[in-house]
Amino acid sequence: MKIEIERPKPGRVIVRLQGRLDADTAPGLKEQLHEIARTGAESVVVDMQAVDFIDSSGLSALVSGLKALRQQGGALNLSQPQTQALTALRLTMLDRVFPIFTSVEEALSEGDLLAP
């Protein structure tokens, strides 16, 4: 899994994922999200456009990151999950927990609305 971090403006972070988000790669994402939460990010968008597979470990890493961000007063939005990931989110009802957007730009705009 490839993880790229972008900071388009203060308090806003885009985490672009590429590849499989599974038991082998989920710990790295979890650590990245916790580190971002420690920096005081207000809004994080996880771009899932290039994630071709996610398992329960990957879903757990996202939930852990969401919890860490919320504890710091931040938010985590998902962008562009593909069919398999969207199915996994729906089956686990996590699509009710995570705001899911059709583009990174839309998810960032939502983050701007949530900012103090």
PDB file of N, CA and C in Angstrom:
ATOM      1  N   MET A   1       0.838  -1.176   0.000  1.00  0.00           N
ATOM      2  CA  MET A   1       0.000   0.000   0.000  1.00  0.00           C
ATOM      3  C   MET A   1       0.880   1.234   0.000  1.00  0.00           C
ATOM      4  N   LYS A   2       0.506   2.155  -0.822  1.00  0.00           N
ATOM      5  CA  LYS A   2       1.193   3.440  -0.892  1.00  0.00           C
ATOM      6  C   LYS A   2       0.309   4.474  -0.194  1.00  0.00           C
ATOM      7  N   ILE A   3       0.911   5.276   0.686  1.00  0.00           N
ATOM      8  CA  ILE A   3       0.189   6.324   1.410  1.00  0.00           C
ATOM      9  C   ILE A   3       0.867   7.653   1.112  1.00  0.00           C
ATOM     10  N   GLU A   4       0.110   8.599   0.575  1.00  0.00           N
ATOM     11  CA  GLU A   4       0.617   9.950   0.326  1.00  0.00           C
ATOM     12  C   GLU A   4      -0.185  10.919   1.181  1.00  0.00           C
ATOM     13  N   ILE A   5       0.519  11.852   1.799  1.00  0.00           N
ATOM     14  CA  ILE A   5      -0.117  12.851   2.658  1.00  0.00           C
ATOM     15  C   ILE A   5       0.030  14.215   1.998  1.00  0.00           C
ATOM     16  N   GLU A   6      -1.085  14.922   1.880  1.00  0.00           N
ATOM     17  CA  GLU A   6      -1.081  16.291   1.356  1.00  0.00           C
ATOM     18  C   GLU A   6      -1.720  17.200   2.393  1.00  0.00           C
ATOM     19  N   ARG A   7      -1.219  18.414   2.458  1.00  0.00           N
ATOM     20  CA  ARG A   7      -1.778  19.414   3.368  1.00  0.00           C
ATOM     21  C   ARG A   7      -2.128  20.655   2.550  1.00  0.00           C
ATOM     22  N   PRO A   8      -3.338  20.673   1.942  1.00  0.00           N
ATOM     23  CA  PRO A   8      -3.699  21.766   1.045  1.00  0.00           C
ATOM     24  C   PRO A   8      -3.841  23.117   1.736  1.00  0.00           C
ATOM     25  N   LYS A   9      -4.182  23.113   3.021  1.00  0.00           N
ATOM     26  CA  LYS A   9      -4.230  24.340   3.809  1.00  0.00           C
ATOM     27  C   LYS A   9      -4.166  23.969   5.275  1.00  0.00           C
ATOM     28  N   PRO A  10      -3.892  24.930   6.145  1.00  0.00           N
ATOM     29  CA  PRO A  10      -3.761  24.613   7.571  1.00  0.00           C
ATOM     30  C   PRO A  10      -4.991  23.903   8.119  1.00  0.00           C
ATOM     31  N   GLY A  11      -4.741  22.843   8.862  1.00  0.00           N
ATOM     32  CA  GLY A  11      -5.803  22.077   9.486  1.00  0.00           C
ATOM     33  C   GLY A  11      -6.482  21.068   8.584  1.00  0.00           C
ATOM     34  N   ARG A  12      -6.127  21.050   7.304  1.00  0.00           N
ATOM     35  CA  ARG A  12      -6.735  20.143   6.332  1.00  0.00           C
ATOM     36  C   ARG A  12      -5.683  19.164   5.821  1.00  0.00           C
ATOM     37  N   VAL A  13      -6.037  17.882   5.786  1.00  0.00           N
ATOM     38  CA  VAL A  13      -5.103  16.854   5.344  1.00  0.00           C
ATOM     39  C   VAL A  13      -5.820  15.904   4.392  1.00  0.00           C
ATOM     40  N   ILE A  14      -5.155  15.575   3.295  1.00  0.00           N
ATOM     41  CA  ILE A  14      -5.646  14.551   2.380  1.00  0.00           C
ATOM     42  C   ILE A  14      -4.706  13.358   2.491  1.00  0.00           C
ATOM     43  N   VAL A  15      -5.265  12.186   2.752  1.00  0.00           N
ATOM     44  CA  VAL A  15      -4.496  10.946   2.813  1.00  0.00           C
ATOM     45  C   VAL A  15      -4.902  10.140   1.584  1.00  0.00           C
ATOM     46  N   ARG A  16      -4.000  10.030   0.625  1.00  0.00           N
ATOM     47  CA  ARG A  16      -4.282   9.285  -0.611  1.00  0.00           C
ATOM     48  C   ARG A  16      -3.715   7.872  -0.475  1.00  0.00           C
ATOM     49  N   LEU A  17      -4.599   6.889  -0.645  1.00  0.00           N
ATOM     50  CA  LEU A  17      -4.206   5.485  -0.514  1.00  0.00           C
ATOM     51  C   LEU A  17      -4.199   4.825  -1.883  1.00  0.00           C
ATOM     52  N   GLN A  18      -3.259   3.893  -2.051  1.00  0.00           N
ATOM     53  CA  GLN A  18      -3.197   3.134  -3.299  1.00  0.00           C
ATOM     54  C   GLN A  18      -2.829   1.696  -2.976  1.00  0.00           C
ATOM     55  N   GLY A  19      -3.654   0.755  -3.442  1.00  0.00           N
ATOM     56  CA  GLY A  19      -3.358  -0.665  -3.245  1.00  0.00           C
ATOM     57  C   GLY A  19      -4.340  -1.333  -2.308  1.00  0.00           C
ATOM     58  N   ARG A  20      -3.858  -2.357  -1.624  1.00  0.00           N
ATOM     59  CA  ARG A  20      -4.696  -3.149  -0.713  1.00  0.00           C
ATOM     60  C   ARG A  20      -4.572  -2.605   0.703  1.00  0.00           C
ATOM     61  N   LEU A  21      -5.714  -2.445   1.352  1.00  0.00           N
ATOM     62  CA  LEU A  21      -5.741  -2.041   2.756  1.00  0.00           C
ATOM     63  C   LEU A  21      -6.183  -3.267   3.543  1.00  0.00           C
ATOM     64  N   ASP A  22      -5.183  -4.009   4.019  1.00  0.00           N
ATOM     65  CA  ASP A  22      -5.453  -5.296   4.669  1.00  0.00           C
ATOM     66  C   ASP A  22      -4.599  -5.448   5.916  1.00  0.00           C
ATOM     67  N   ALA A  23      -4.540  -6.653   6.443  1.00  0.00           N
ATOM     68  CA  ALA A  23      -3.814  -6.908   7.695  1.00  0.00           C
ATOM     69  C   ALA A  23      -2.348  -6.512   7.610  1.00  0.00           C
ATOM     70  N   ASP A  24      -1.755  -6.590   6.436  1.00  0.00           N
ATOM     71  CA  ASP A  24      -0.344  -6.227   6.281  1.00  0.00           C
ATOM     72  C   ASP A  24      -0.129  -4.716   6.259  1.00  0.00           C
ATOM     73  N   THR A  25      -1.083  -3.976   5.718  1.00  0.00           N
ATOM     74  CA  THR A  25      -0.878  -2.539   5.504  1.00  0.00           C
ATOM     75  C   THR A  25      -1.656  -1.643   6.468  1.00  0.00           C
ATOM     76  N   ALA A  26      -2.684  -2.194   7.110  1.00  0.00           N
ATOM     77  CA  ALA A  26      -3.532  -1.393   7.998  1.00  0.00           C
ATOM     78  C   ALA A  26      -2.771  -0.742   9.162  1.00  0.00           C
ATOM     79  N   PRO A  27      -1.802  -1.430   9.793  1.00  0.00           N
ATOM     80  CA  PRO A  27      -1.093  -0.780  10.901  1.00  0.00           C
ATOM     81  C   PRO A  27      -0.379   0.513  10.476  1.00  0.00           C
ATOM     82  N   GLY A  28       0.149   0.543   9.272  1.00  0.00           N
ATOM     83  CA  GLY A  28       0.809   1.759   8.782  1.00  0.00           C
ATOM     84  C   GLY A  28      -0.165   2.906   8.623  1.00  0.00           C
ATOM     85  N   LEU A  29      -1.349   2.626   8.088  1.00  0.00           N
ATOM     86  CA  LEU A  29      -2.370   3.663   7.949  1.00  0.00           C
ATOM     87  C   LEU A  29      -2.831   4.138   9.322  1.00  0.00           C
ATOM     88  N   LYS A  30      -3.054   3.196  10.219  1.00  0.00           N
ATOM     89  CA  LYS A  30      -3.495   3.557  11.571  1.00  0.00           C
ATOM     90  C   LYS A  30      -2.494   4.513  12.219  1.00  0.00           C
ATOM     91  N   GLU A  31      -1.231   4.195  12.114  1.00  0.00           N
ATOM     92  CA  GLU A  31      -0.199   5.054  12.705  1.00  0.00           C
ATOM     93  C   GLU A  31      -0.185   6.436  12.049  1.00  0.00           C
ATOM     94  N   GLN A  32      -0.322   6.481  10.729  1.00  0.00           N
ATOM     95  CA  GLN A  32      -0.363   7.764  10.019  1.00  0.00           C
ATOM     96  C   GLN A  32      -1.539   8.609  10.504  1.00  0.00           C
ATOM     97  N   LEU A  33      -2.721   8.003  10.621  1.00  0.00           N
ATOM     98  CA  LEU A  33      -3.902   8.748  11.057  1.00  0.00           C
ATOM     99  C   LEU A  33      -3.761   9.236  12.491  1.00  0.00           C
ATOM    100  N   HIS A  34      -3.168   8.435  13.349  1.00  0.00           N
ATOM    101  CA  HIS A  34      -2.952   8.858  14.734  1.00  0.00           C
ATOM    102  C   HIS A  34      -1.946  10.013  14.787  1.00  0.00           C
ATOM    103  N   GLU A  35      -0.929   9.946  13.970  1.00  0.00           N
ATOM    104  CA  GLU A  35       0.051  11.032  13.914  1.00  0.00           C
ATOM    105  C   GLU A  35      -0.610  12.321  13.425  1.00  0.00           C
ATOM    106  N   ILE A  36      -1.437  12.215  12.408  1.00  0.00           N
ATOM    107  CA  ILE A  36      -2.162  13.388  11.888  1.00  0.00           C
ATOM    108  C   ILE A  36      -3.062  13.964  12.980  1.00  0.00           C
ATOM    109  N   ALA A  37      -3.727  13.101  13.734  1.00  0.00           N
ATOM    110  CA  ALA A  37      -4.582  13.567  14.831  1.00  0.00           C
ATOM    111  C   ALA A  37      -3.761  14.318  15.872  1.00  0.00           C
ATOM    112  N   ARG A  38      -2.552  13.832  16.161  1.00  0.00           N
ATOM    113  CA  ARG A  38      -1.691  14.491  17.153  1.00  0.00           C
ATOM    114  C   ARG A  38      -1.253  15.874  16.699  1.00  0.00           C
ATOM    115  N   THR A  39      -1.243  16.107  15.382  1.00  0.00           N
ATOM    116  CA  THR A  39      -0.842  17.432  14.876  1.00  0.00           C
ATOM    117  C   THR A  39      -1.971  18.445  14.960  1.00  0.00           C
ATOM    118  N   GLY A  40      -3.166  17.993  15.365  1.00  0.00           N
ATOM    119  CA  GLY A  40      -4.284  18.907  15.525  1.00  0.00           C
ATOM    120  C   GLY A  40      -5.069  19.179  14.255  1.00  0.00           C
ATOM    121  N   ALA A  41      -4.996  18.291  13.278  1.00  0.00           N
ATOM    122  CA  ALA A  41      -5.755  18.468  12.034  1.00  0.00           C
ATOM    123  C   ALA A  41      -7.248  18.544  12.343  1.00  0.00           C
ATOM    124  N   GLU A  42      -7.926  19.468  11.689  1.00  0.00           N
ATOM    125  CA  GLU A  42      -9.363  19.642  11.902  1.00  0.00           C
ATOM    126  C   GLU A  42     -10.176  18.749  10.977  1.00  0.00           C
ATOM    127  N   SER A  43      -9.684  18.550   9.759  1.00  0.00           N
ATOM    128  CA  SER A  43     -10.428  17.776   8.772  1.00  0.00           C
ATOM    129  C   SER A  43      -9.469  16.923   7.952  1.00  0.00           C
ATOM    130  N   VAL A  44      -9.727  15.617   7.940  1.00  0.00           N
ATOM    131  CA  VAL A  44      -8.906  14.679   7.182  1.00  0.00           C
ATOM    132  C   VAL A  44      -9.799  13.986   6.158  1.00  0.00           C
ATOM    133  N   VAL A  45      -9.325  13.948   4.927  1.00  0.00           N
ATOM    134  CA  VAL A  45     -10.019  13.235   3.864  1.00  0.00           C
ATOM    135  C   VAL A  45      -9.159  12.041   3.476  1.00  0.00           C
ATOM    136  N   VAL A  46      -9.717  10.843   3.555  1.00  0.00           N
ATOM    137  CA  VAL A  46      -9.021   9.654   3.090  1.00  0.00           C
ATOM    138  C   VAL A  46      -9.546   9.357   1.689  1.00  0.00           C
ATOM    139  N   ASP A  47      -8.673   9.555   0.694  1.00  0.00           N
ATOM    140  CA  ASP A  47      -9.027   9.315  -0.703  1.00  0.00           C
ATOM    141  C   ASP A  47      -8.822   7.837  -0.997  1.00  0.00           C
ATOM    142  N   MET A  48      -9.929   7.133  -1.239  1.00  0.00           N
ATOM    143  CA  MET A  48      -9.889   5.686  -1.440  1.00  0.00           C
ATOM    144  C   MET A  48     -10.052   5.285  -2.902  1.00  0.00           C
ATOM    145  N   GLN A  49      -9.902   6.232  -3.804  1.00  0.00           N
ATOM    146  CA  GLN A  49     -10.117   5.960  -5.220  1.00  0.00           C
ATOM    147  C   GLN A  49      -9.243   4.817  -5.735  1.00  0.00           C
ATOM    148  N   ALA A  50      -8.010   4.705  -5.238  1.00  0.00           N
ATOM    149  CA  ALA A  50      -7.082   3.694  -5.741  1.00  0.00           C
ATOM    150  C   ALA A  50      -6.938   2.497  -4.795  1.00  0.00           C
ATOM    151  N   VAL A  51      -7.880   2.339  -3.854  1.00  0.00           N
ATOM    152  CA  VAL A  51      -7.877   1.168  -2.972  1.00  0.00           C
ATOM    153  C   VAL A  51      -8.684   0.080  -3.661  1.00  0.00           C
ATOM    154  N   ASP A  52      -8.000  -1.007  -4.024  1.00  0.00           N
ATOM    155  CA  ASP A  52      -8.697  -2.070  -4.751  1.00  0.00           C
ATOM    156  C   ASP A  52      -9.231  -3.179  -3.846  1.00  0.00           C
ATOM    157  N   PHE A  53      -8.839  -3.153  -2.549  1.00  0.00           N
ATOM    158  CA  PHE A  53      -9.326  -4.159  -1.611  1.00  0.00           C
ATOM    159  C   PHE A  53      -9.180  -3.636  -0.195  1.00  0.00           C
ATOM    160  N   ILE A  54     -10.203  -3.886   0.625  1.00  0.00           N
ATOM    161  CA  ILE A  54     -10.126  -3.559   2.050  1.00  0.00           C
ATOM    162  C   ILE A  54     -10.723  -4.723   2.833  1.00  0.00           C
ATOM    163  N   ASP A  55     -10.076  -5.069   3.942  1.00  0.00           N
ATOM    164  CA  ASP A  55     -10.617  -6.125   4.799  1.00  0.00           C
ATOM    165  C   ASP A  55     -10.931  -5.533   6.175  1.00  0.00           C
ATOM    166  N   SER A  56     -11.265  -6.387   7.119  1.00  0.00           N
ATOM    167  CA  SER A  56     -11.655  -5.909   8.447  1.00  0.00           C
ATOM    168  C   SER A  56     -10.529  -5.150   9.145  1.00  0.00           C
ATOM    169  N   SER A  57      -9.293  -5.521   8.876  1.00  0.00           N
ATOM    170  CA  SER A  57      -8.157  -4.803   9.463  1.00  0.00           C
ATOM    171  C   SER A  57      -8.092  -3.373   8.925  1.00  0.00           C
ATOM    172  N   GLY A  58      -8.357  -3.228   7.642  1.00  0.00           N
ATOM    173  CA  GLY A  58      -8.372  -1.905   7.030  1.00  0.00           C
ATOM    174  C   GLY A  58      -9.505  -1.055   7.573  1.00  0.00           C
ATOM    175  N   LEU A  59     -10.676  -1.662   7.705  1.00  0.00           N
ATOM    176  CA  LEU A  59     -11.820  -0.940   8.280  1.00  0.00           C
ATOM    177  C   LEU A  59     -11.508  -0.525   9.715  1.00  0.00           C
ATOM    178  N   SER A  60     -10.869  -1.409  10.456  1.00  0.00           N
ATOM    179  CA  SER A  60     -10.495  -1.113  11.838  1.00  0.00           C
ATOM    180  C   SER A  60      -9.517   0.066  11.912  1.00  0.00           C
ATOM    181  N   ALA A  61      -8.576   0.128  10.987  1.00  0.00           N
ATOM    182  CA  ALA A  61      -7.622   1.242  10.961  1.00  0.00           C
ATOM    183  C   ALA A  61      -8.343   2.561  10.721  1.00  0.00           C
ATOM    184  N   LEU A  62      -9.332   2.559   9.836  1.00  0.00           N
ATOM    185  CA  LEU A  62     -10.117   3.773   9.580  1.00  0.00           C
ATOM    186  C   LEU A  62     -10.911   4.185  10.820  1.00  0.00           C
ATOM    187  N   VAL A  63     -11.532   3.218  11.489  1.00  0.00           N
ATOM    188  CA  VAL A  63     -12.302   3.514  12.702  1.00  0.00           C
ATOM    189  C   VAL A  63     -11.382   4.059  13.795  1.00  0.00           C
ATOM    190  N   SER A  64     -10.220   3.465  13.944  1.00  0.00           N
ATOM    191  CA  SER A  64      -9.258   3.930  14.944  1.00  0.00           C
ATOM    192  C   SER A  64      -8.816   5.364  14.643  1.00  0.00           C
ATOM    193  N   GLY A  65      -8.565   5.642  13.371  1.00  0.00           N
ATOM    194  CA  GLY A  65      -8.190   7.003  12.979  1.00  0.00           C
ATOM    195  C   GLY A  65      -9.307   7.993  13.238  1.00  0.00           C
ATOM    196  N   LEU A  66     -10.537   7.599  12.939  1.00  0.00           N
ATOM    197  CA  LEU A  66     -11.693   8.456  13.199  1.00  0.00           C
ATOM    198  C   LEU A  66     -11.796   8.772  14.686  1.00  0.00           C
ATOM    199  N   LYS A  67     -11.636   7.753  15.510  1.00  0.00           N
ATOM    200  CA  LYS A  67     -11.723   7.939  16.963  1.00  0.00           C
ATOM    201  C   LYS A  67     -10.628   8.892  17.449  1.00  0.00           C
ATOM    202  N   ALA A  68      -9.412   8.695  16.964  1.00  0.00           N
ATOM    203  CA  ALA A  68      -8.291   9.562  17.369  1.00  0.00           C
ATOM    204  C   ALA A  68      -8.544  11.011  16.956  1.00  0.00           C
ATOM    205  N   LEU A  69      -9.050  11.200  15.750  1.00  0.00           N
ATOM    206  CA  LEU A  69      -9.331  12.562  15.285  1.00  0.00           C
ATOM    207  C   LEU A  69     -10.461  13.201  16.079  1.00  0.00           C
ATOM    208  N   ARG A  70     -11.509  12.455  16.338  1.00  0.00           N
ATOM    209  CA  ARG A  70     -12.636  13.007  17.108  1.00  0.00           C
ATOM    210  C   ARG A  70     -12.203  13.399  18.521  1.00  0.00           C
ATOM    211  N   GLN A  71     -11.310  12.614  19.112  1.00  0.00           N
ATOM    212  CA  GLN A  71     -10.819  12.944  20.455  1.00  0.00           C
ATOM    213  C   GLN A  71     -10.063  14.264  20.465  1.00  0.00           C
ATOM    214  N   GLN A  72      -9.520  14.653  19.318  1.00  0.00           N
ATOM    215  CA  GLN A  72      -8.787  15.910  19.200  1.00  0.00           C
ATOM    216  C   GLN A  72      -9.665  17.027  18.610  1.00  0.00           C
ATOM    217  N   GLY A  73     -10.953  16.724  18.412  1.00  0.00           N
ATOM    218  CA  GLY A  73     -11.864  17.722  17.859  1.00  0.00           C
ATOM    219  C   GLY A  73     -11.873  17.766  16.345  1.00  0.00           C
ATOM    220  N   GLY A  74     -11.319  16.746  15.698  1.00  0.00           N
ATOM    221  CA  GLY A  74     -11.248  16.707  14.245  1.00  0.00           C
ATOM    222  C   GLY A  74     -12.302  15.798  13.627  1.00  0.00           C
ATOM    223  N   ALA A  75     -12.284  15.729  12.299  1.00  0.00           N
ATOM    224  CA  ALA A  75     -13.238  14.916  11.548  1.00  0.00           C
ATOM    225  C   ALA A  75     -12.497  14.118  10.483  1.00  0.00           C
ATOM    226  N   LEU A  76     -13.053  12.982  10.095  1.00  0.00           N
ATOM    227  CA  LEU A  76     -12.486  12.153   9.037  1.00  0.00           C
ATOM    228  C   LEU A  76     -13.580  11.843   8.025  1.00  0.00           C
ATOM    229  N   ASN A  77     -13.333  12.202   6.774  1.00  0.00           N
ATOM    230  CA  ASN A  77     -14.253  11.934   5.672  1.00  0.00           C
ATOM    231  C   ASN A  77     -13.607  10.962   4.702  1.00  0.00           C
ATOM    232  N   LEU A  78     -14.412  10.123   4.075  1.00  0.00           N
ATOM    233  CA  LEU A  78     -13.915   9.205   3.048  1.00  0.00           C
ATOM    234  C   LEU A  78     -14.324   9.733   1.685  1.00  0.00           C
ATOM    235  N   SER A  79     -13.452   9.523   0.714  1.00  0.00           N
ATOM    236  CA  SER A  79     -13.717   9.985  -0.642  1.00  0.00           C
ATOM    237  C   SER A  79     -13.512   8.854  -1.637  1.00  0.00           C
ATOM    238  N   GLN A  80     -14.457   8.698  -2.535  1.00  0.00           N
ATOM    239  CA  GLN A  80     -14.366   7.828  -3.700  1.00  0.00           C
ATOM    240  C   GLN A  80     -14.046   6.366  -3.434  1.00  0.00           C
ATOM    241  N   PRO A  81     -14.669   5.733  -2.420  1.00  0.00           N
ATOM    242  CA  PRO A  81     -14.399   4.307  -2.258  1.00  0.00           C
ATOM    243  C   PRO A  81     -14.929   3.530  -3.471  1.00  0.00           C
ATOM    244  N   GLN A  82     -14.155   2.574  -3.910  1.00  0.00           N
ATOM    245  CA  GLN A  82     -14.545   1.755  -5.053  1.00  0.00           C
ATOM    246  C   GLN A  82     -15.520   0.666  -4.606  1.00  0.00           C
ATOM    247  N   THR A  83     -16.011  -0.116  -5.551  1.00  0.00           N
ATOM    248  CA  THR A  83     -17.099  -1.063  -5.306  1.00  0.00           C
ATOM    249  C   THR A  83     -16.849  -1.982  -4.115  1.00  0.00           C
ATOM    250  N   GLN A  84     -15.693  -2.642  -4.066  1.00  0.00           N
ATOM    251  CA  GLN A  84     -15.433  -3.597  -2.987  1.00  0.00           C
ATOM    252  C   GLN A  84     -15.393  -2.885  -1.637  1.00  0.00           C
ATOM    253  N   ALA A  85     -14.717  -1.744  -1.569  1.00  0.00           N
ATOM    254  CA  ALA A  85     -14.622  -1.000  -0.311  1.00  0.00           C
ATOM    255  C   ALA A  85     -15.986  -0.467   0.111  1.00  0.00           C
ATOM    256  N   LEU A  86     -16.747   0.036  -0.834  1.00  0.00           N
ATOM    257  CA  LEU A  86     -18.081   0.551  -0.521  1.00  0.00           C
ATOM    258  C   LEU A  86     -18.982  -0.565  -0.005  1.00  0.00           C
ATOM    259  N   THR A  87     -18.884  -1.750  -0.602  1.00  0.00           N
ATOM    260  CA  THR A  87     -19.653  -2.901  -0.137  1.00  0.00           C
ATOM    261  C   THR A  87     -19.263  -3.258   1.294  1.00  0.00           C
ATOM    262  N   ALA A  88     -17.965  -3.272   1.589  1.00  0.00           N
ATOM    263  CA  ALA A  88     -17.493  -3.584   2.943  1.00  0.00           C
ATOM    264  C   ALA A  88     -18.008  -2.547   3.943  1.00  0.00           C
ATOM    265  N   LEU A  89     -17.982  -1.271   3.564  1.00  0.00           N
ATOM    266  CA  LEU A  89     -18.481  -0.213   4.447  1.00  0.00           C
ATOM    267  C   LEU A  89     -19.980  -0.374   4.696  1.00  0.00           C
ATOM    268  N   ARG A  90     -20.712  -0.740   3.663  1.00  0.00           N
ATOM    269  CA  ARG A  90     -22.167  -0.915   3.809  1.00  0.00           C
ATOM    270  C   ARG A  90     -22.506  -2.149   4.639  1.00  0.00           C
ATOM    271  N   LEU A  91     -21.812  -3.266   4.395  1.00  0.00           N
ATOM    272  CA  LEU A  91     -22.098  -4.500   5.132  1.00  0.00           C
ATOM    273  C   LEU A  91     -21.839  -4.348   6.631  1.00  0.00           C
ATOM    274  N   THR A  92     -20.854  -3.543   6.964  1.00  0.00           N
ATOM    275  CA  THR A  92     -20.517  -3.320   8.371  1.00  0.00           C
ATOM    276  C   THR A  92     -21.244  -2.107   8.948  1.00  0.00           C
ATOM    277  N   MET A  93     -22.049  -1.478   8.129  1.00  0.00           N
ATOM    278  CA  MET A  93     -22.807  -0.264   8.476  1.00  0.00           C
ATOM    279  C   MET A  93     -21.899   0.917   8.839  1.00  0.00           C
ATOM    280  N   LEU A  94     -20.656   0.838   8.416  1.00  0.00           N
ATOM    281  CA  LEU A  94     -19.754   1.962   8.646  1.00  0.00           C
ATOM    282  C   LEU A  94     -20.051   3.126   7.695  1.00  0.00           C
ATOM    283  N   ASP A  95     -20.847   2.875   6.676  1.00  0.00           N
ATOM    284  CA  ASP A  95     -21.257   3.977   5.803  1.00  0.00           C
ATOM    285  C   ASP A  95     -22.172   4.949   6.559  1.00  0.00           C
ATOM    286  N   ARG A  96     -22.661   4.529   7.722  1.00  0.00           N
ATOM    287  CA  ARG A  96     -23.457   5.412   8.587  1.00  0.00           C
ATOM    288  C   ARG A  96     -22.581   6.169   9.572  1.00  0.00           C
ATOM    289  N   VAL A  97     -21.343   5.734   9.714  1.00  0.00           N
ATOM    290  CA  VAL A  97     -20.402   6.351  10.651  1.00  0.00           C
ATOM    291  C   VAL A  97     -19.521   7.371   9.937  1.00  0.00           C
ATOM    292  N   PHE A  98     -19.034   6.986   8.763  1.00  0.00           N
ATOM    293  CA  PHE A  98     -18.143   7.851   7.991  1.00  0.00           C
ATOM    294  C   PHE A  98     -18.927   8.655   6.962  1.00  0.00           C
ATOM    295  N   PRO A  99     -18.706   9.965   6.892  1.00  0.00           N
ATOM    296  CA  PRO A  99     -19.225  10.712   5.750  1.00  0.00           C
ATOM    297  C   PRO A  99     -18.470  10.251   4.497  1.00  0.00           C
ATOM    298  N   ILE A 100     -19.208   9.898   3.440  1.00  0.00           N
ATOM    299  CA  ILE A 100     -18.599   9.407   2.206  1.00  0.00           C
ATOM    300  C   ILE A 100     -18.952  10.358   1.077  1.00  0.00           C
ATOM    301  N   PHE A 101     -17.932  10.799   0.338  1.00  0.00           N
ATOM    302  CA  PHE A 101     -18.107  11.781  -0.725  1.00  0.00           C
ATOM    303  C   PHE A 101     -17.628  11.240  -2.056  1.00  0.00           C
ATOM    304  N   THR A 102     -18.131  11.829  -3.135  1.00  0.00           N
ATOM    305  CA  THR A 102     -17.788  11.374  -4.480  1.00  0.00           C
ATOM    306  C   THR A 102     -16.514  12.003  -5.013  1.00  0.00           C
ATOM    307  N   SER A 103     -15.972  12.998  -4.301  1.00  0.00           N
ATOM    308  CA  SER A 103     -14.714  13.606  -4.732  1.00  0.00           C
ATOM    309  C   SER A 103     -13.970  14.149  -3.517  1.00  0.00           C
ATOM    310  N   VAL A 104     -12.674  14.289  -3.667  1.00  0.00           N
ATOM    311  CA  VAL A 104     -11.846  14.870  -2.605  1.00  0.00           C
ATOM    312  C   VAL A 104     -12.275  16.314  -2.362  1.00  0.00           C
ATOM    313  N   GLU A 105     -12.556  17.036  -3.436  1.00  0.00           N
ATOM    314  CA  GLU A 105     -12.943  18.438  -3.320  1.00  0.00           C
ATOM    315  C   GLU A 105     -14.218  18.592  -2.497  1.00  0.00           C
ATOM    316  N   GLU A 106     -15.198  17.732  -2.762  1.00  0.00           N
ATOM    317  CA  GLU A 106     -16.456  17.774  -2.010  1.00  0.00           C
ATOM    318  C   GLU A 106     -16.197  17.476  -0.532  1.00  0.00           C
ATOM    319  N   ALA A 107     -15.354  16.491  -0.248  1.00  0.00           N
ATOM    320  CA  ALA A 107     -15.029  16.136   1.135  1.00  0.00           C
ATOM    321  C   ALA A 107     -14.294  17.269   1.839  1.00  0.00           C
ATOM    322  N   LEU A 108     -13.397  17.948   1.128  1.00  0.00           N
ATOM    323  CA  LEU A 108     -12.697  19.095   1.707  1.00  0.00           C
ATOM    324  C   LEU A 108     -13.666  20.226   1.996  1.00  0.00           C
ATOM    325  N   SER A 109     -14.596  20.479   1.094  1.00  0.00           N
ATOM    326  CA  SER A 109     -15.584  21.539   1.296  1.00  0.00           C
ATOM    327  C   SER A 109     -16.407  21.255   2.540  1.00  0.00           C
ATOM    328  N   GLU A 110     -16.769  20.009   2.734  1.00  0.00           N
ATOM    329  CA  GLU A 110     -17.511  19.628   3.930  1.00  0.00           C
ATOM    330  C   GLU A 110     -16.669  19.900   5.173  1.00  0.00           C
ATOM    331  N   GLY A 111     -15.378  19.622   5.078  1.00  0.00           N
ATOM    332  CA  GLY A 111     -14.469  19.912   6.187  1.00  0.00           C
ATOM    333  C   GLY A 111     -14.408  21.398   6.483  1.00  0.00           C
ATOM    334  N   ASP A 112     -14.458  22.228   5.443  1.00  0.00           N
ATOM    335  CA  ASP A 112     -14.469  23.680   5.648  1.00  0.00           C
ATOM    336  C   ASP A 112     -15.727  24.116   6.405  1.00  0.00           C
ATOM    337  N   LEU A 113     -16.842  23.454   6.121  1.00  0.00           N
ATOM    338  CA  LEU A 113     -18.088  23.794   6.806  1.00  0.00           C
ATOM    339  C   LEU A 113     -18.028  23.408   8.274  1.00  0.00           C
ATOM    340  N   LEU A 114     -17.261  22.369   8.595  1.00  0.00           N
ATOM    341  CA  LEU A 114     -17.170  21.893   9.981  1.00  0.00           C
ATOM    342  C   LEU A 114     -16.157  22.679  10.806  1.00  0.00           C
ATOM    343  N   ALA A 115     -15.259  23.391  10.112  1.00  0.00           N
ATOM    344  CA  ALA A 115     -14.177  24.091  10.823  1.00  0.00           C
ATOM    345  C   ALA A 115     -14.723  25.217  11.674  1.00  0.00           C
ATOM    346  N   PRO A 116     -14.046  25.494  12.804  1.00  0.00           N
ATOM    347  CA  PRO A 116     -14.487  26.583  13.691  1.00  0.00           C
ATOM    348  C   PRO A 116     -14.302  27.933  13.046  1.00  0.00           C
TER     349      PRO A 116
END
